[in-house]
Amino acid sequence: MKDWIERYTYDVARRLPEQNRAEVRRELDANIKDMLPDHPTEEDIKKALATLGHPRVLAANYRTKQRYLISPEWMDDYLQVLKIVLIVFGSIALVSGILTRMLDGTTEFSFEWIGEFVGGTIADVWNALIGAFAVVTLIFAGIEAGTKSQSVKCAWKVEDLPEVPKGNTKKISRTESILGIVLSAVFGFLWVYLLYHNQTMLTGYVDGVRFSPIFVDAAIRPYIPFFVVGAVLSIASHYVRLLSGRYTLSVATVDTVEKVFSLGLGILFLTNANLLNPAFLSDMDAVLNLGVDTLSGYIGNAATGILVLSSIGALVDIISTWVKAMKKDAPKETAK
């Protein structure tokens, strides 16, 4: 007889905070056995579990705190991801605001300048925090809507219960997966936005002189649609991890496709001989006095170093993911 009860209690408990899982499993196991006759058949067990309903719904009922912005099932992950994203975005906005105003030599130092400097930096940080809050909330709302629609489309059956993993099976943190979705969405599409507005965004002031854009528009425009695809693939990879909760063949396959695509795109982009704007190199040379050819060589070496490190990192990560997915004790199917 299959271990339906163990699989059901596992599927319920894995959706709850770590500290409550053991107690919930014991309590639920006792309740299920009270529902069964003295010598239950497999059909008796399936009928009892079907009466209890979808593990996702039952897990939500075990939560004692009622929250309304995001459903109880996702609230803990939501708060964890929100804290991290707020810290990241706030820090980036703070550093960016300070550097931008320090390097802008168009305004003379005065008390008025100090007021504008402090006020503008605080406004930058505040806007970043509000934007981060909105992005994280919208992404969680989308994830929740997606999982709900998936439940509606597929009527739950006892046979859908996931296998109980062995002790050494590697889990994938839900917080880690959701954070990956948020960061992939934000930084992926921010990069696309910067490339699209290359003439105004990828430039700046040094000693009061405005630099030319870093890239040549005609060289970067063909890459923009592919960077959008790369961002979508990265989001999809983390979403598959979120649905699975563990390393499976599906997780490894999607992860490999995403990394190979992103790495190939990065190689094509950074090795494009027409990528750098000659006017930008001239502006840099006017400040650093190193010579355009020397600067171009330094930038080329830096690009090569980035590609080598990225390739090594991607290869190691792909191999690691496949090793975890191919373990014999890993669950074969993603959890419903």
Protein backbone atom coordinates (compact mmCIF):
# COMPACT_ATOMS: atom_id res chain seq x y z
CA MET A 1 0.00 0.00 0.00
CA LYS A 2 1.39 3.38 -0.96
CA ASP A 3 2.33 5.90 1.73
CA TRP A 4 -0.53 8.28 0.88
CA ILE A 5 -0.90 9.60 4.44
CA GLU A 6 2.79 10.44 4.77
CA ARG A 7 2.79 12.11 1.38
CA TYR A 8 -0.30 14.15 2.24
CA THR A 9 1.01 15.37 5.59
CA TYR A 10 4.32 16.25 3.93
CA ASP A 11 2.59 18.24 1.18
CA VAL A 12 0.62 20.22 3.76
CA ALA A 13 3.52 20.82 6.16
CA ARG A 14 6.02 21.94 3.49
CA ARG A 15 3.84 25.00 2.85
CA LEU A 16 4.08 26.12 6.49
CA PRO A 17 6.86 27.80 8.50
CA GLU A 18 9.70 25.43 9.37
CA GLN A 19 9.08 25.55 13.12
CA ASN A 20 5.47 24.37 12.77
CA ARG A 21 5.90 21.51 10.31
CA ALA A 22 6.67 18.61 12.65
CA GLU A 23 3.78 19.42 14.98
CA VAL A 24 1.33 19.85 12.09
CA ARG A 25 2.37 16.54 10.56
CA ARG A 26 1.83 14.70 13.84
CA GLU A 27 -1.53 16.32 14.43
CA LEU A 28 -2.72 15.78 10.87
CA ASP A 29 -1.53 12.16 10.84
CA ALA A 30 -3.55 11.48 14.00
CA ASN A 31 -6.65 13.19 12.56
CA ILE A 32 -6.47 11.19 9.35
CA LYS A 33 -6.13 7.89 11.19
CA ASP A 34 -9.15 8.79 13.34
CA MET A 35 -11.14 9.10 10.12
CA LEU A 36 -10.23 5.56 9.01
CA PRO A 37 -11.64 2.15 9.99
CA ASP A 38 -9.49 -0.34 11.93
CA HIS A 39 -8.12 -2.03 8.85
CA PRO A 40 -8.28 0.61 6.10
CA THR A 41 -7.85 -0.21 2.47
CA GLU A 42 -6.06 2.02 0.01
CA GLU A 43 -9.41 3.31 -1.22
CA ASP A 44 -10.44 4.18 2.36
CA ILE A 45 -7.29 6.27 2.73
CA LYS A 46 -7.77 8.02 -0.61
CA LYS A 47 -11.37 8.83 0.27
CA ALA A 48 -10.35 10.33 3.64
CA LEU A 49 -7.63 12.45 2.04
CA ALA A 50 -9.99 13.61 -0.70
CA THR A 51 -12.42 14.70 2.03
CA LEU A 52 -9.73 16.86 3.63
CA GLY A 53 -9.15 18.58 0.28
CA HIS A 54 -6.20 20.20 -1.46
CA PRO A 55 -3.06 20.37 0.74
CA ARG A 56 -2.58 24.01 -0.29
CA VAL A 57 -5.98 24.99 1.12
CA LEU A 58 -5.56 22.94 4.31
CA ALA A 59 -2.12 24.47 4.90
CA ALA A 60 -3.62 27.96 4.70
CA ASN A 61 -6.17 26.97 7.36
CA TYR A 62 -3.35 26.04 9.75
CA ARG A 63 -1.99 29.57 9.79
CA THR A 64 -3.14 31.55 12.80
CA LYS A 65 -2.34 35.09 11.61
CA GLN A 66 -4.76 36.56 9.09
CA ARG A 67 -3.17 39.00 6.65
CA TYR A 68 -4.87 40.66 3.75
CA LEU A 69 -2.38 42.33 1.42
CA ILE A 70 -1.00 38.95 0.32
CA SER A 71 -2.65 35.62 1.14
CA PRO A 72 -1.40 33.81 4.29
CA GLU A 73 0.29 31.12 2.21
CA TRP A 74 2.67 33.64 0.64
CA MET A 75 2.93 36.32 3.35
CA ASP A 76 6.12 35.02 5.04
CA ASP A 77 7.94 34.77 1.71
CA TYR A 78 6.56 38.17 0.69
CA LEU A 79 7.96 39.88 3.79
CA GLN A 80 11.36 38.20 3.46
CA VAL A 81 11.72 39.12 -0.21
CA LEU A 82 10.42 42.64 0.40
CA LYS A 83 13.01 43.28 3.13
CA ILE A 84 15.87 42.14 0.89
CA VAL A 85 14.67 44.07 -2.16
CA LEU A 86 14.09 47.26 -0.14
CA ILE A 87 17.63 47.06 1.25
CA VAL A 88 19.13 46.40 -2.20
CA PHE A 89 17.16 49.12 -4.00
CA GLY A 90 17.54 51.64 -1.20
CA SER A 91 21.31 51.11 -1.10
CA ILE A 92 21.65 51.40 -4.88
CA ALA A 93 19.56 54.59 -4.93
CA LEU A 94 21.58 56.09 -2.07
CA VAL A 95 24.97 55.38 -3.68
CA SER A 96 23.75 56.38 -7.14
CA GLY A 97 22.23 59.63 -5.85
CA ILE A 98 25.39 60.61 -3.99
CA LEU A 99 27.73 59.78 -6.89
CA THR A 100 25.56 61.51 -9.48
CA ARG A 101 25.46 64.74 -7.50
CA MET A 102 29.14 64.59 -6.55
CA LEU A 103 30.21 64.15 -10.17
CA ASP A 104 27.87 66.81 -11.52
CA GLY A 105 30.14 69.83 -11.75
CA THR A 106 27.49 72.17 -13.15
CA THR A 107 26.50 73.59 -9.73
CA GLU A 108 28.75 75.58 -7.39
CA PHE A 109 29.14 74.53 -3.77
CA SER A 110 26.77 76.46 -1.44
CA PHE A 111 24.25 75.92 1.35
CA GLU A 112 21.57 75.78 -1.32
CA TRP A 113 23.54 73.04 -3.08
CA ILE A 114 23.83 71.09 0.19
CA GLY A 115 20.06 71.31 0.68
CA GLU A 116 19.40 70.14 -2.86
CA PHE A 117 22.01 67.39 -2.46
CA VAL A 118 20.47 65.97 0.73
CA GLY A 119 16.86 66.50 -0.35
CA GLY A 120 17.42 65.04 -3.81
CA THR A 121 19.23 61.97 -2.45
CA ILE A 122 16.48 61.32 0.11
CA ALA A 123 13.88 61.68 -2.64
CA ASP A 124 15.81 59.20 -4.82
CA VAL A 125 15.90 56.65 -2.00
CA TRP A 126 12.22 57.15 -1.17
CA ASN A 127 11.17 56.74 -4.81
CA ALA A 128 13.30 53.61 -5.07
CA LEU A 129 11.67 52.12 -1.97
CA ILE A 130 8.18 52.89 -3.24
CA GLY A 131 9.03 51.39 -6.62
CA ALA A 132 10.53 48.28 -5.00
CA PHE A 133 7.44 47.83 -2.83
CA ALA A 134 5.16 48.12 -5.86
CA VAL A 135 7.22 45.70 -7.97
CA VAL A 136 7.46 43.03 -5.26
CA THR A 137 3.74 43.30 -4.47
CA LEU A 138 2.73 43.04 -8.13
CA ILE A 139 5.01 40.05 -8.71
CA PHE A 140 3.61 38.24 -5.68
CA ALA A 141 0.08 39.01 -6.83
CA GLY A 142 0.97 37.50 -10.22
CA ILE A 143 2.51 34.40 -8.63
CA GLU A 144 -0.54 33.93 -6.42
CA ALA A 145 -2.91 34.38 -9.36
CA GLY A 146 -0.88 31.89 -11.40
CA THR A 147 -0.92 29.22 -8.72
CA LYS A 148 -4.64 29.74 -8.14
CA SER A 149 -5.45 29.45 -11.84
CA GLN A 150 -3.33 26.31 -11.98
CA SER A 151 -5.36 24.81 -9.15
CA VAL A 152 -8.61 25.71 -10.94
CA LYS A 153 -7.49 24.16 -14.22
CA CYS A 154 -6.32 20.92 -12.61
CA ALA A 155 -8.75 19.32 -10.15
CA TRP A 156 -6.74 17.95 -7.25
CA LYS A 157 -6.47 14.17 -6.83
CA VAL A 158 -4.72 12.09 -4.20
CA GLU A 159 -2.50 10.73 -6.97
CA ASP A 160 -1.12 14.27 -7.41
CA LEU A 161 0.64 14.13 -4.04
CA PRO A 162 4.43 14.52 -4.33
CA GLU A 163 6.82 11.84 -3.15
CA VAL A 164 8.24 12.44 0.33
CA PRO A 165 11.89 13.39 -0.24
CA LYS A 166 14.73 11.56 1.45
CA GLY A 167 16.79 13.28 4.10
CA ASN A 168 19.63 14.32 1.78
CA THR A 169 17.45 15.71 -1.03
CA LYS A 170 18.32 19.34 -1.69
CA LYS A 171 15.41 21.74 -1.31
CA ILE A 172 15.04 25.04 -3.16
CA SER A 173 14.10 27.94 -0.92
CA ARG A 174 10.86 29.64 -1.93
CA THR A 175 12.29 32.97 -0.81
CA GLU A 176 15.37 32.41 -2.96
CA SER A 177 13.23 31.57 -6.00
CA ILE A 178 10.91 34.56 -5.58
CA LEU A 179 13.85 36.89 -4.98
CA GLY A 180 15.32 35.58 -8.22
CA ILE A 181 12.09 36.39 -10.05
CA VAL A 182 12.01 39.94 -8.64
CA LEU A 183 15.68 40.71 -9.37
CA SER A 184 15.52 39.15 -12.84
CA ALA A 185 12.46 41.22 -13.70
CA VAL A 186 13.81 44.49 -12.32
CA PHE A 187 17.43 44.38 -13.45
CA GLY A 188 16.67 42.60 -16.72
CA PHE A 189 14.19 45.19 -17.89
CA LEU A 190 16.21 48.05 -16.36
CA TRP A 191 19.12 46.98 -18.57
CA VAL A 192 16.83 46.94 -21.60
CA TYR A 193 15.55 50.40 -20.68
CA LEU A 194 19.09 51.77 -20.37
CA LEU A 195 20.08 50.33 -23.74
CA TYR A 196 16.95 51.71 -25.40
CA HIS A 197 17.71 55.17 -23.96
CA ASN A 198 21.45 54.90 -24.53
CA GLN A 199 21.80 58.51 -25.71
CA THR A 200 20.45 60.00 -22.47
CA MET A 201 20.94 57.30 -19.79
CA LEU A 202 24.34 55.71 -20.48
CA THR A 203 26.25 58.97 -20.22
CA GLY A 204 27.01 61.53 -17.53
CA TYR A 205 28.99 64.54 -16.35
CA VAL A 206 32.60 64.62 -15.24
CA ASP A 207 34.06 67.96 -14.14
CA GLY A 208 31.06 69.70 -15.62
CA VAL A 209 31.61 68.15 -19.06
CA ARG A 210 28.95 65.86 -20.47
CA PHE A 211 30.33 62.60 -21.80
CA SER A 212 29.20 61.02 -25.03
CA PRO A 213 27.06 57.85 -24.78
CA ILE A 214 29.00 54.66 -24.07
CA PHE A 215 27.53 52.58 -26.88
CA VAL A 216 26.71 53.13 -30.54
CA ASP A 217 22.94 53.06 -31.01
CA ALA A 218 23.10 51.19 -34.31
CA ALA A 219 25.21 48.47 -32.67
CA ILE A 220 23.03 47.84 -29.61
CA ARG A 221 19.49 48.13 -31.02
CA PRO A 222 19.49 44.61 -32.62
CA TYR A 223 20.35 43.09 -29.23
CA ILE A 224 17.47 44.65 -27.27
CA PRO A 225 14.79 42.05 -28.19
CA PHE A 226 17.19 39.26 -27.21
CA PHE A 227 17.88 40.86 -23.83
CA VAL A 228 14.10 40.93 -23.27
CA VAL A 229 13.97 37.21 -24.08
CA GLY A 230 16.88 36.62 -21.70
CA ALA A 231 15.06 38.40 -18.87
CA VAL A 232 11.90 36.36 -19.53
CA LEU A 233 13.90 33.11 -19.53
CA SER A 234 15.53 34.05 -16.24
CA ILE A 235 12.12 34.76 -14.68
CA ALA A 236 10.79 31.46 -16.06
CA SER A 237 13.76 29.55 -14.64
CA HIS A 238 13.17 30.89 -11.14
CA TYR A 239 9.41 30.33 -11.48
CA VAL A 240 9.96 26.65 -12.34
CA ARG A 241 12.17 26.37 -9.26
CA LEU A 242 9.41 27.96 -7.18
CA LEU A 243 6.78 25.50 -8.43
CA SER A 244 9.05 22.50 -8.00
CA GLY A 245 10.58 23.31 -4.62
CA ARG A 246 13.33 20.77 -5.34
CA TYR A 247 15.92 20.04 -8.00
CA THR A 248 14.28 18.04 -10.79
CA LEU A 249 15.04 17.33 -14.43
CA SER A 250 12.63 20.10 -15.44
CA VAL A 251 14.43 22.60 -13.21
CA ALA A 252 17.83 21.56 -14.60
CA THR A 253 16.65 21.73 -18.22
CA VAL A 254 15.11 25.22 -17.96
CA ASP A 255 18.10 26.47 -15.97
CA THR A 256 20.53 25.18 -18.61
CA VAL A 257 18.59 26.74 -21.49
CA GLU A 258 18.50 30.10 -19.69
CA LYS A 259 22.20 30.12 -18.81
CA VAL A 260 23.38 29.00 -22.25
CA PHE A 261 21.19 31.62 -23.93
CA SER A 262 22.31 34.42 -21.58
CA LEU A 263 25.97 33.47 -21.84
CA GLY A 264 25.84 33.26 -25.65
CA LEU A 265 24.10 36.63 -25.83
CA GLY A 266 26.68 38.16 -23.51
CA ILE A 267 29.53 36.85 -25.66
CA LEU A 268 28.00 38.22 -28.85
CA PHE A 269 27.31 41.58 -27.22
CA LEU A 270 30.67 42.17 -25.54
CA THR A 271 32.75 40.96 -28.50
CA ASN A 272 31.01 43.27 -30.98
CA ALA A 273 33.81 45.40 -32.45
CA ASN A 274 31.41 48.28 -33.17
CA LEU A 275 29.90 48.40 -29.69
CA LEU A 276 31.89 51.22 -28.05
CA ASN A 277 31.29 54.79 -29.14
CA PRO A 278 34.58 56.37 -30.39
CA ALA A 279 33.42 59.73 -29.03
CA PHE A 280 33.09 58.18 -25.56
CA LEU A 281 36.66 56.88 -25.74
CA SER A 282 37.86 60.33 -26.77
CA ASP A 283 36.03 61.92 -23.83
CA MET A 284 37.57 59.38 -21.46
CA ASP A 285 41.02 60.03 -22.89
CA ALA A 286 40.59 63.76 -22.34
CA VAL A 287 40.19 63.07 -18.61
CA LEU A 288 42.60 60.15 -18.08
CA ASN A 289 45.25 60.95 -20.75
CA LEU A 290 45.99 57.29 -21.41
CA GLY A 291 45.46 57.22 -25.15
CA VAL A 292 42.39 55.94 -26.98
CA ASP A 293 44.07 52.67 -28.01
CA THR A 294 45.20 51.99 -24.44
CA LEU A 295 41.73 52.69 -23.06
CA SER A 296 40.16 50.48 -25.70
CA GLY A 297 42.60 47.70 -24.75
CA TYR A 298 41.78 48.01 -21.04
CA ILE A 299 38.05 47.86 -21.74
CA GLY A 300 38.54 44.85 -24.02
CA ASN A 301 40.55 43.05 -21.35
CA ALA A 302 37.87 43.81 -18.76
CA ALA A 303 35.18 42.45 -21.10
CA THR A 304 37.23 39.29 -21.67
CA GLY A 305 37.66 38.83 -17.93
CA ILE A 306 33.92 39.23 -17.36
CA LEU A 307 33.17 36.65 -20.04
CA VAL A 308 35.67 34.13 -18.66
CA LEU A 309 34.36 34.45 -15.10
CA SER A 310 30.74 34.32 -16.31
CA SER A 311 31.43 31.21 -18.39
CA ILE A 312 33.11 29.42 -15.49
CA GLY A 313 30.32 30.40 -13.11
CA ALA A 314 27.60 29.32 -15.54
CA LEU A 315 29.30 25.97 -16.23
CA VAL A 316 29.77 25.23 -12.53
CA ASP A 317 26.16 26.15 -11.78
CA ILE A 318 24.80 24.02 -14.64
CA ILE A 319 26.81 20.98 -13.55
CA SER A 320 25.79 21.48 -9.92
CA THR A 321 22.12 21.74 -10.84
CA TRP A 322 22.20 18.58 -12.95
CA VAL A 323 24.03 16.64 -10.23
CA LYS A 324 21.32 17.60 -7.72
CA ALA A 325 18.54 16.81 -10.20
CA MET A 326 19.97 13.40 -11.13
CA LYS A 327 20.16 12.11 -7.56
CA LYS A 328 18.20 8.87 -7.29
CA ASP A 329 16.35 10.02 -4.21
CA ALA A 330 15.18 13.29 -5.81
CA PRO A 331 11.43 13.53 -6.53
CA LYS A 332 10.66 12.93 -10.19
CA GLU A 333 7.72 15.26 -10.60
CA THR A 334 7.08 18.84 -9.54
CA ALA A 335 4.65 19.42 -6.70
CA LYS A 336 1.16 20.54 -7.62
